[in-house]
Protein backbone atom coordinates (compact mmCIF):
# COMPACT_ATOMS: atom_id res chain seq x y z
CA MET A 1 104.58 194.90 104.74
CA GLY A 2 106.53 192.85 102.23
CA ASP A 3 107.65 190.43 104.94
CA ALA A 4 104.06 190.07 106.14
CA GLY A 5 102.95 189.28 102.61
CA ALA A 6 105.67 186.68 102.25
CA ARG A 7 104.66 185.06 105.54
CA SER A 8 101.02 185.01 104.45
CA LYS A 9 101.93 183.10 101.31
CA ARG A 10 103.85 180.36 103.16
CA PRO A 11 100.77 178.48 104.47
CA ALA A 12 99.32 178.50 100.96
CA VAL A 13 102.57 177.15 99.55
CA ALA A 14 102.64 174.49 102.27
CA ALA A 15 99.05 173.55 101.49
CA ILE A 16 100.04 172.98 97.88
CA TRP A 17 103.29 171.11 98.42
CA LEU A 18 102.46 169.02 101.51
CA PRO A 19 99.89 166.72 99.84
CA LEU A 20 102.20 166.33 96.87
CA LEU A 21 105.10 165.35 99.09
CA LEU A 22 102.90 162.92 101.04
CA ALA A 23 101.72 161.32 97.82
CA LEU A 24 105.25 161.03 96.46
CA SER A 25 106.50 159.49 99.71
CA GLY A 26 103.69 156.92 99.80
CA CYS A 27 102.07 158.36 102.92
CA ALA A 28 98.77 159.17 101.20
CA GLY A 29 96.04 156.70 100.29
CA SER A 30 97.13 153.47 101.96
CA GLY A 31 99.66 155.10 104.30
CA LEU A 32 99.47 158.02 106.72
CA THR A 33 96.06 159.34 105.65
CA ALA A 34 94.35 155.99 105.03
CA ARG A 35 91.31 155.18 107.09
CA ALA A 36 92.03 152.57 109.77
CA PRO A 37 89.09 150.13 109.79
CA VAL A 38 87.96 148.97 113.24
CA PRO A 39 84.69 147.42 114.45
CA GLU A 40 82.12 149.98 115.53
CA GLY A 41 81.06 147.73 118.37
CA PRO A 42 81.54 144.24 119.80
CA ALA A 43 78.58 142.93 117.75
CA ARG A 44 79.38 144.73 114.49
CA VAL A 45 81.40 143.35 111.60
CA VAL A 46 84.02 145.41 109.83
CA ALA A 47 83.56 146.30 106.17
CA LEU A 48 86.83 145.23 104.59
CA PRO A 49 87.97 145.14 100.98
CA ALA A 50 88.30 141.75 99.34
CA PRO A 51 91.74 140.25 100.03
CA THR A 52 94.19 140.03 97.19
CA PRO A 53 93.96 136.51 95.75
CA SER A 54 97.01 134.32 96.07
CA PRO A 55 98.85 133.54 92.86
CA VAL A 56 97.43 130.38 91.36
CA ALA A 57 100.00 127.63 91.24
CA THR A 58 100.47 125.79 87.98
CA PRO A 59 98.51 122.54 88.24
CA PRO A 60 100.62 119.40 87.98
CA ALA A 61 100.81 117.79 84.59
CA ILE A 62 98.71 114.63 84.68
CA PRO A 63 99.03 112.26 81.73
CA ALA A 64 95.85 112.45 79.70
CA GLU A 65 95.56 108.67 79.54
CA LEU A 66 95.24 108.48 83.31
CA LEU A 67 92.12 110.67 83.21
CA ARG A 68 90.51 108.61 80.46
CA PRO A 69 87.38 106.71 81.62
CA GLY A 70 88.36 103.22 82.70
CA ALA A 71 92.02 104.06 83.30
CA THR A 72 93.58 103.49 86.70
CA PHE A 73 96.51 105.01 88.56
CA THR A 74 99.23 102.79 89.96
CA LEU A 75 100.51 103.60 93.42
CA GLY A 76 103.86 104.65 91.97
CA GLU A 77 102.16 107.08 89.59
CA LEU A 78 100.16 108.57 92.45
CA VAL A 79 103.33 109.10 94.45
CA ASP A 80 105.02 110.78 91.48
CA VAL A 81 102.09 113.19 91.03
CA ALA A 82 101.99 113.97 94.75
CA LEU A 83 105.71 114.73 94.97
CA ALA A 84 105.48 116.97 91.91
CA SER A 85 102.55 118.99 93.26
CA SER A 86 102.91 118.83 97.06
CA PRO A 87 103.10 122.27 98.69
CA GLN A 88 104.78 120.68 101.73
CA THR A 89 107.79 119.41 99.77
CA ARG A 90 107.91 122.65 97.79
CA ALA A 91 108.10 124.65 101.03
CA THR A 92 110.85 122.47 102.53
CA TRP A 93 112.77 122.67 99.22
CA TYR A 94 112.73 126.47 99.34
CA GLN A 95 113.75 126.35 103.01
CA ALA A 96 116.78 124.23 102.08
CA ARG A 97 117.70 126.68 99.32
CA ALA A 98 117.41 129.57 101.78
CA ALA A 99 119.66 127.70 104.22
CA ARG A 100 122.22 127.22 101.44
CA ALA A 101 122.15 130.96 100.77
CA LEU A 102 122.68 131.64 104.48
CA LEU A 103 125.68 129.30 104.46
CA GLY A 104 127.17 131.28 101.58
CA SER A 105 126.64 134.48 103.55
CA LYS A 106 128.30 133.06 106.67
CA ARG A 107 131.33 131.99 104.62
CA ALA A 108 131.84 135.54 103.35
CA PRO A 109 134.34 136.50 106.14
CA TYR A 110 136.81 134.01 104.64
CA TYR A 111 137.16 136.40 101.70
CA PRO A 112 138.48 139.97 101.73
CA SER A 113 136.01 142.84 101.67
CA VAL A 114 136.63 145.48 98.99
CA ASP A 115 134.78 148.81 98.80
CA LEU A 116 134.98 151.35 96.02
CA ALA A 117 134.06 154.98 96.73
CA ALA A 118 134.26 158.27 94.86
CA THR A 119 133.62 161.89 95.83
CA ALA A 120 133.24 164.96 93.66
CA SER A 121 133.13 168.52 94.98
CA ARG A 122 133.03 172.09 93.68
CA ALA A 123 134.34 174.85 95.97
CA GLN A 124 135.11 178.55 95.83
CA GLN A 125 138.34 179.53 97.56
CA SER A 126 140.28 182.75 98.20
CA ALA A 127 143.92 183.63 98.73
CA LEU A 128 145.98 186.56 99.99
CA GLY A 129 143.32 187.85 102.33
CA GLY A 130 140.61 187.67 99.71
CA GLN A 131 142.46 189.46 96.92
CA TYR A 132 142.25 186.42 94.70
CA GLU A 133 139.20 184.16 94.41
CA TYR A 134 138.91 181.02 92.32
CA GLU A 135 136.70 177.93 91.98
CA GLN A 136 138.13 174.40 92.05
CA THR A 137 136.64 170.99 91.21
CA THR A 138 137.99 167.97 93.10
CA VAL A 139 137.36 164.31 92.12
CA ALA A 140 138.69 161.60 94.44
CA PRO A 141 138.15 157.86 93.64
CA ALA A 142 139.22 155.48 96.42
CA VAL A 143 139.39 151.77 97.13
CA ALA A 144 139.43 150.17 100.59
CA LEU A 145 140.26 146.57 101.52
CA SER A 146 139.76 144.75 104.81
CA TYR A 147 140.53 141.12 105.57
CA LEU A 148 139.92 139.18 108.77
CA LEU A 149 143.10 137.26 109.56
CA PHE A 150 142.32 135.58 112.87
CA ASP A 151 139.38 135.60 115.28
CA PHE A 152 139.71 132.49 117.49
CA GLY A 153 137.06 130.50 115.62
CA GLY A 154 134.31 133.06 115.22
CA ARG A 155 133.82 132.87 111.47
CA SER A 156 134.44 129.11 111.56
CA GLY A 157 131.72 128.69 114.18
CA ASN A 158 129.28 130.79 112.18
CA ALA A 159 130.00 128.84 108.99
CA LYS A 160 129.61 125.47 110.74
CA ASP A 161 126.44 126.76 112.40
CA ALA A 162 125.00 127.60 108.97
CA LEU A 163 126.20 124.29 107.49
CA GLN A 164 124.38 122.31 110.15
CA GLY A 165 121.32 124.47 109.52
CA LEU A 166 121.49 123.50 105.86
CA LEU A 167 121.84 119.82 106.72
CA ALA A 168 118.87 120.10 109.09
CA ALA A 169 116.81 121.72 106.32
CA ASP A 170 117.82 118.93 103.95
CA TRP A 171 116.75 116.28 106.46
CA VAL A 172 113.46 118.09 107.02
CA HIS A 173 112.89 118.02 103.26
CA ASN A 174 113.57 114.28 103.18
CA ALA A 175 111.13 113.78 106.05
CA ALA A 176 108.51 115.81 104.20
CA ILE A 177 108.89 113.55 101.19
CA GLN A 178 108.44 110.47 103.37
CA ASN A 179 105.35 111.97 104.97
CA VAL A 180 103.83 112.79 101.59
CA VAL A 181 104.52 109.25 100.36
CA PHE A 182 102.95 107.76 103.48
CA THR A 183 99.90 110.00 103.23
CA VAL A 184 99.37 108.95 99.62
CA GLN A 185 99.81 105.29 100.49
CA GLN A 186 97.45 105.49 103.43
CA THR A 187 94.74 107.29 101.47
CA TYR A 188 95.28 104.99 98.49
CA PHE A 189 94.59 101.86 100.52
CA LEU A 190 91.68 103.52 102.28
CA TYR A 191 90.22 104.13 98.82
CA LEU A 192 90.84 100.52 97.82
CA ASN A 193 89.18 99.46 101.07
CA ALA A 194 86.17 101.68 100.38
CA LYS A 195 85.82 100.28 96.87
CA ALA A 196 86.05 96.71 98.15
CA GLN A 197 83.49 97.50 100.86
CA LEU A 198 81.21 98.83 98.14
CA GLU A 199 81.46 95.58 96.20
CA ALA A 200 80.82 93.64 99.40
CA ALA A 201 77.75 95.79 100.12
CA ARG A 202 76.41 95.09 96.62
CA LEU A 203 76.94 91.38 97.15
CA THR A 204 75.09 91.61 100.45
CA VAL A 205 72.18 93.34 98.68
CA THR A 206 72.09 90.51 96.15
CA GLN A 207 72.08 87.88 98.88
CA THR A 208 69.30 89.60 100.82
CA GLN A 209 67.29 89.80 97.61
CA THR A 210 67.80 86.07 97.20
CA GLY A 211 66.52 85.51 100.72
CA LEU A 212 63.56 87.80 100.09
CA GLU A 213 62.69 85.89 96.91
CA ALA A 214 62.89 82.59 98.80
CA ALA A 215 60.57 83.96 101.49
CA ARG A 216 58.06 85.07 98.86
CA VAL A 217 58.16 81.69 97.14
CA ARG A 218 57.50 79.92 100.42
CA HIS A 219 54.76 82.39 101.30
CA ASP A 220 53.06 81.93 97.92
CA ALA A 221 53.26 78.17 98.42
CA GLY A 222 51.64 78.51 101.84
CA LEU A 223 54.77 77.28 103.61
CA ALA A 224 55.65 80.57 105.35
CA THR A 225 53.81 83.45 106.91
CA ILE A 226 53.84 87.05 105.80
CA ALA A 227 56.13 87.71 108.75
CA ASP A 228 58.93 85.89 106.94
CA VAL A 229 58.47 88.11 103.89
CA LEU A 230 58.44 91.25 106.00
CA GLN A 231 61.55 90.28 107.90
CA ALA A 232 63.36 89.45 104.66
CA GLN A 233 62.17 92.74 103.17
CA THR A 234 63.52 94.59 106.21
CA ALA A 235 66.90 92.90 105.82
CA ALA A 236 66.99 93.78 102.11
CA SER A 237 66.15 97.41 102.84
CA GLN A 238 68.84 97.60 105.49
CA ALA A 239 71.39 96.17 103.04
CA GLN A 240 70.36 98.74 100.42
CA TYR A 241 70.67 101.52 103.01
CA ALA A 242 74.18 100.32 103.92
CA LEU A 243 75.07 100.20 100.22
CA GLU A 244 74.05 103.81 99.69
CA THR A 245 76.09 104.86 102.72
CA VAL A 246 79.19 103.11 101.41
CA GLU A 247 78.71 104.72 97.98
CA GLY A 248 78.97 108.14 99.59
CA GLN A 249 82.04 107.07 101.58
CA VAL A 250 83.79 105.94 98.40
CA MET A 251 83.39 109.40 96.86
CA VAL A 252 84.60 111.10 100.05
CA VAL A 253 87.75 108.95 100.19
CA ARG A 254 88.37 109.50 96.48
CA GLY A 255 88.31 113.25 97.10
CA ALA A 256 90.70 112.79 100.04
CA LEU A 257 93.08 110.86 97.78
CA ALA A 258 93.00 113.62 95.16
CA THR A 259 93.68 116.20 97.88
CA ALA A 260 96.62 114.14 99.16
CA LEU A 261 98.03 114.34 95.64
CA GLY A 262 97.78 118.13 95.66
CA LEU A 263 94.86 118.03 93.18
CA PRO A 264 91.29 119.31 93.45
CA ALA A 265 88.95 116.81 95.07
CA THR A 266 86.85 116.82 91.89
CA VAL A 267 89.56 115.17 89.74
CA PRO A 268 88.00 111.94 88.40
CA LEU A 269 90.87 109.62 89.25
CA ASP A 270 90.51 105.90 89.78
CA VAL A 271 92.73 103.11 91.07
CA GLY A 272 92.74 99.33 90.93
CA SER A 273 91.21 96.98 93.44
CA LEU A 274 92.34 95.63 96.79
CA PRO A 275 94.37 92.48 96.13
CA PRO A 276 92.87 89.24 97.46
CA GLU A 277 96.23 88.23 98.94
CA VAL A 278 98.96 90.26 100.64
CA PRO A 279 102.74 89.79 100.19
CA ALA A 280 103.32 89.07 103.86
CA GLU A 281 106.72 87.50 103.16
CA GLN A 282 108.11 90.93 102.30
CA VAL A 283 107.96 92.04 105.92
CA ARG A 284 109.93 89.59 108.02
CA GLN A 285 112.53 91.39 110.07
CA ALA A 286 113.30 91.48 113.79
CA VAL A 287 112.05 94.52 115.65
CA GLU A 288 115.53 95.15 117.06
CA ASP A 289 116.94 95.49 113.54
CA LEU A 290 114.11 97.84 112.61
CA VAL A 291 114.77 100.02 115.66
CA GLY A 292 118.49 100.19 114.87
CA GLY A 293 117.75 101.13 111.29
CA ALA A 294 115.31 103.82 112.37
CA LEU A 295 117.84 105.46 114.71
CA SER A 296 120.25 105.84 111.79
CA ALA A 297 117.81 106.46 108.91
CA ARG A 298 114.99 108.61 110.26
CA PRO A 299 115.35 112.01 108.53
CA ASP A 300 113.45 113.91 111.23
CA LEU A 301 115.77 112.49 113.90
CA ALA A 302 118.77 113.39 111.76
CA ALA A 303 117.39 116.92 111.46
CA LEU A 304 117.26 117.28 115.25
CA ARG A 305 120.81 115.98 115.53
CA ALA A 306 121.94 118.55 112.97
CA LEU A 307 120.18 121.26 114.96
CA ALA A 308 122.03 120.12 118.09
CA GLU A 309 125.33 120.39 116.20
CA LYS A 310 124.20 123.79 114.96
CA ALA A 311 123.61 124.96 118.54
CA ALA A 312 127.08 123.75 119.58
CA HIS A 313 128.79 125.64 116.74
CA HIS A 314 126.73 128.71 117.57
CA ALA A 315 128.11 128.54 121.09
CA ASP A 316 131.64 128.47 119.64
CA ALA A 317 130.87 131.56 117.58
CA VAL A 318 129.47 133.38 120.62
CA ARG A 319 132.55 132.45 122.67
CA SER A 320 134.84 134.00 120.04
CA GLU A 321 133.07 137.36 120.32
CA GLY A 322 134.96 138.04 123.56
CA LEU A 323 138.38 137.15 122.12
CA PRO A 324 140.88 139.21 120.10
CA VAL A 325 140.37 139.80 116.37
CA LEU A 326 143.25 140.51 114.00
CA SER A 327 142.44 142.18 110.68
CA LEU A 328 144.28 143.69 107.75
CA VAL A 329 143.01 147.10 106.59
CA ALA A 330 144.32 148.83 103.47
CA GLY A 331 143.21 151.69 101.27
CA ALA A 332 144.27 153.79 98.32
CA ASN A 333 142.90 156.89 96.64
CA ARG A 334 143.75 159.40 93.95
CA THR A 335 142.53 163.01 94.03
CA TYR A 336 142.20 165.07 90.84
CA TYR A 337 142.21 168.92 90.90
CA SER A 338 140.75 171.28 88.33
CA PRO A 339 142.27 173.80 87.96
CA SER A 340 145.47 172.31 89.34
CA PRO A 341 147.48 174.47 91.76
CA ILE A 342 150.67 172.43 91.33
CA GLU A 343 149.84 168.89 90.16
CA ASP A 344 146.84 167.48 88.36
CA PHE A 345 146.39 164.73 90.97
CA SER A 346 147.84 163.26 94.14
CA ASP A 347 148.06 159.58 95.26
CA ASN A 348 147.65 158.28 98.80
CA TRP A 349 147.67 154.80 100.31
CA SER A 350 147.72 153.17 103.72
CA ALA A 351 147.95 149.67 105.23
CA ALA A 352 147.60 148.54 108.81
CA LEU A 353 147.19 145.52 111.03
CA VAL A 354 144.37 146.10 113.47
CA LEU A 355 144.06 144.16 116.71
CA ARG A 356 140.78 144.50 118.54
CA TYR A 357 140.28 143.03 122.00
CA PRO A 358 136.92 143.66 123.67
CA LEU A 359 137.57 144.18 127.37
CA PHE A 360 134.16 144.79 128.89
CA SER A 361 130.61 144.92 127.55
CA GLY A 362 128.49 144.95 130.67
CA PHE A 363 128.66 141.13 131.04
CA ALA A 364 126.59 140.76 127.85
CA ARG A 365 129.03 138.33 126.24
CA SER A 366 129.20 136.06 129.27
CA TRP A 367 125.42 135.89 129.41
CA ASP A 368 125.17 135.31 125.66
CA LEU A 369 127.64 132.44 125.96
CA ALA A 370 125.73 130.96 128.90
CA LYS A 371 122.52 131.17 126.88
CA ALA A 372 124.14 129.47 123.88
CA LYS A 373 125.48 126.65 126.06
CA GLU A 374 122.07 126.07 127.66
CA GLU A 375 120.41 126.05 124.25
CA THR A 376 122.90 123.38 123.17
CA GLU A 377 121.88 121.26 126.15
CA VAL A 378 118.23 121.79 125.28
CA ALA A 379 118.87 120.60 121.72
CA LEU A 380 120.72 117.51 122.97
CA ALA A 381 117.86 116.71 125.36
CA GLN A 382 115.37 117.06 122.51
CA VAL A 383 117.40 114.59 120.45
CA ALA A 384 117.42 112.09 123.31
CA SER A 385 113.69 112.51 123.83
CA PHE A 386 112.90 112.07 120.16
CA GLU A 387 115.10 108.97 119.96
CA GLN A 388 112.86 107.40 122.59
CA GLN A 389 109.81 108.44 120.58
CA VAL A 390 111.27 106.88 117.44
CA ILE A 391 111.88 103.61 119.26
CA LEU A 392 108.30 103.66 120.57
CA GLN A 393 106.88 104.42 117.13
CA VAL A 394 108.79 101.56 115.51
CA TRP A 395 107.85 99.22 118.37
CA THR A 396 104.17 100.18 118.10
CA SER A 397 104.07 99.96 114.30
CA TYR A 398 105.85 96.61 114.30
CA TYR A 399 103.47 94.95 116.71
CA ALA A 400 100.49 96.65 115.09
CA LEU A 401 101.55 94.96 111.85
CA GLN A 402 101.87 91.62 113.63
CA THR A 403 98.41 92.08 115.11
CA VAL A 404 96.89 93.00 111.76
CA ALA A 405 98.51 89.96 110.14
CA ARG A 406 96.97 87.65 112.73
CA ARG A 407 93.61 89.39 112.49
CA MET A 408 93.73 89.06 108.72
CA GLN A 409 94.12 85.28 108.96
CA THR A 410 91.34 85.10 111.54
CA ALA A 411 89.11 87.24 109.34
CA LYS A 412 89.69 84.85 106.42
CA ASP A 413 88.68 81.88 108.55
CA LEU A 414 85.64 83.79 109.82
CA LEU A 415 84.60 84.68 106.28
CA ALA A 416 84.93 81.11 105.08
CA SER A 417 82.78 79.76 107.92
CA ALA A 418 80.24 82.57 107.48
CA GLU A 419 79.90 81.80 103.76
CA GLN A 420 79.31 78.12 104.51
CA SER A 421 76.80 78.93 107.26
CA GLN A 422 74.86 81.29 104.98
CA ALA A 423 74.79 78.72 102.16
CA VAL A 424 73.57 76.03 104.54
CA ALA A 425 70.95 78.31 106.10
CA LEU A 426 69.65 79.37 102.66
CA GLY A 427 69.42 75.74 101.53
CA ARG A 428 67.66 74.70 104.72
CA TYR A 429 65.20 77.57 104.42
CA LYS A 430 64.40 76.71 100.82
CA GLU A 431 63.88 73.10 101.83
CA GLY A 432 61.51 74.18 104.58
CA VAL A 433 63.57 72.87 107.49
CA GLY A 434 65.12 76.24 108.47
CA THR A 435 63.64 79.48 109.74
CA ILE A 436 63.88 82.97 108.34
CA ILE A 437 65.56 84.03 111.58
CA ASP A 438 68.41 81.58 110.96
CA LEU A 439 68.80 82.77 107.38
CA LEU A 440 68.83 86.46 108.29
CA ALA A 441 71.29 85.86 111.12
CA THR A 442 73.73 84.07 108.83
CA GLN A 443 73.36 86.75 106.16
CA SER A 444 74.14 89.45 108.71
CA ALA A 445 77.11 87.49 110.01
CA LEU A 446 78.39 86.98 106.46
CA ALA A 447 78.13 90.70 105.65
CA SER A 448 80.03 91.55 108.83
CA ALA A 449 82.70 88.91 108.18
CA ARG A 450 83.16 90.08 104.61
CA ALA A 451 83.62 93.69 105.72
CA GLN A 452 86.08 92.66 108.45
CA GLU A 453 88.16 90.60 106.05
CA ILE A 454 88.40 93.49 103.58
CA GLN A 455 89.25 95.91 106.37
CA ALA A 456 92.00 93.60 107.65
CA ARG A 457 93.65 93.42 104.23
CA ALA A 458 93.58 97.20 103.81
CA GLU A 459 94.91 97.69 107.34
CA TRP A 460 97.82 95.36 106.58
CA PHE A 461 98.97 97.50 103.66
CA ILE A 462 98.58 100.68 105.72
CA ALA A 463 100.49 99.09 108.62
CA VAL A 464 103.36 98.19 106.28
CA ALA A 465 103.48 101.75 104.95
CA ARG A 466 103.43 103.17 108.49
CA LEU A 467 106.23 100.83 109.61
CA ALA A 468 108.32 101.88 106.61
CA ARG A 469 107.73 105.54 107.43
CA ASP A 470 108.56 105.05 111.11
CA THR A 471 111.80 103.21 110.31
CA GLY A 472 112.85 105.83 107.77
CA ALA A 473 113.09 103.21 105.03
CA ALA A 474 111.67 103.26 101.53
CA SER A 475 108.28 101.60 101.48
CA PRO A 476 108.19 98.23 99.66
CA LEU A 477 104.63 98.97 98.57
CA VAL A 478 105.63 101.56 95.97
CA ASP A 479 107.79 98.97 94.21
CA ALA A 480 105.19 96.21 94.55
CA THR A 481 102.47 97.98 92.58
CA VAL A 482 101.96 94.92 90.40
CA VAL A 483 100.63 93.14 93.49
CA THR A 484 98.14 95.88 94.29
CA GLU A 485 96.93 96.76 90.79
CA GLU A 486 94.68 95.20 88.24
CA LYS A 487 95.77 95.48 84.62
CA ARG A 488 95.29 98.98 83.25
CA VAL A 489 92.68 99.34 80.55
CA GLN A 490 94.39 100.18 77.29
């Protein structure tokens, strides 16, 4: 009856302790007993808790004077802010630090390994067939040392593998910096272009208003029909419509520039104006020299080369896994007894040279080595392929810059002739010897020529920045900010 009562209490005890154990082990709540949310049907959404917000990064420190109304950023200042706040460069920086830590770990086999251990026990013992019983406490601290003496290049291959991984991570970081700089430059000149297009659109509105006023004067004097006034009014309305469109584009590009800097799009930053002339003499170098420089300076290409070296050293490390390994193993310990049968403690030590030679592992090592060799060839092929891509990118960017330079000169000539044609057409119309159709046509041609000339100048700066990025060189535009900036308002 007593046993039955004890058995009947066990489920109750289990019911009390099981939830407590689950809670202590983390299995309750969000673990073993948590409800697993799934959709109730293909057309039903799942009720989910709000995700945990990501930690808010500290916003970059922007000098207060740069946010003052009327102040402008230089290109160099924009690049500094972007590099300080860019999540891309921050990520590649942490990746390089992680690769450095891995290198330190892979170099560990060059040092001896030392372990410290200690055991303590309490035991009851008997002697003389159980006539005497006593309890004894034993404490035994011990130290063990092992040192790899020779392994046919295994640890060397692993260390060189990790070193090349670190170098690849460093090159990737450098490439990320170049990409951030190029993105800022590209968006910067797009913003300058949008601002210049806005000024051109305002000038076009003014010119169409001048034409509209001339049509009204002629109409009031009985020298033109109402059709002239209506056509001029239509042209003025179209110019105003284009102006409002460009105003919106300016704000969009300004937000894109702020985002490229790692800032909220709402930051009220401003820059200078698109320079009327470009420093074309700064970019005069043969394409062959640029290609040669790119093959030696491109950080992303250097990263791939480092990865190819990494794969080769990994193959060396895999090859050593099937070769003998010679190690030194040593240990020492002291055991204390209480009460002591004869002595209070005893000392023990040992030392040995251990030779290990793996004979057979089911062909796994041979296949691992074959895989490592093939991966090395893959990495080498990727380097060769990317070298061709680098050459093509430099070639394309170089001739794109040449094309933009020629188009820029043509756009200047077109703008000059369009301005003269519009002035002549306006004068002729005011004198009564020209038609409103001629005037409107020249005004439209002038607006188009003005926009093309501005676009060509902005494209030249972007083409220079792209060529610098593709060659792996520092962009001359960051150092030439005085050319691309108006004087900052003090």
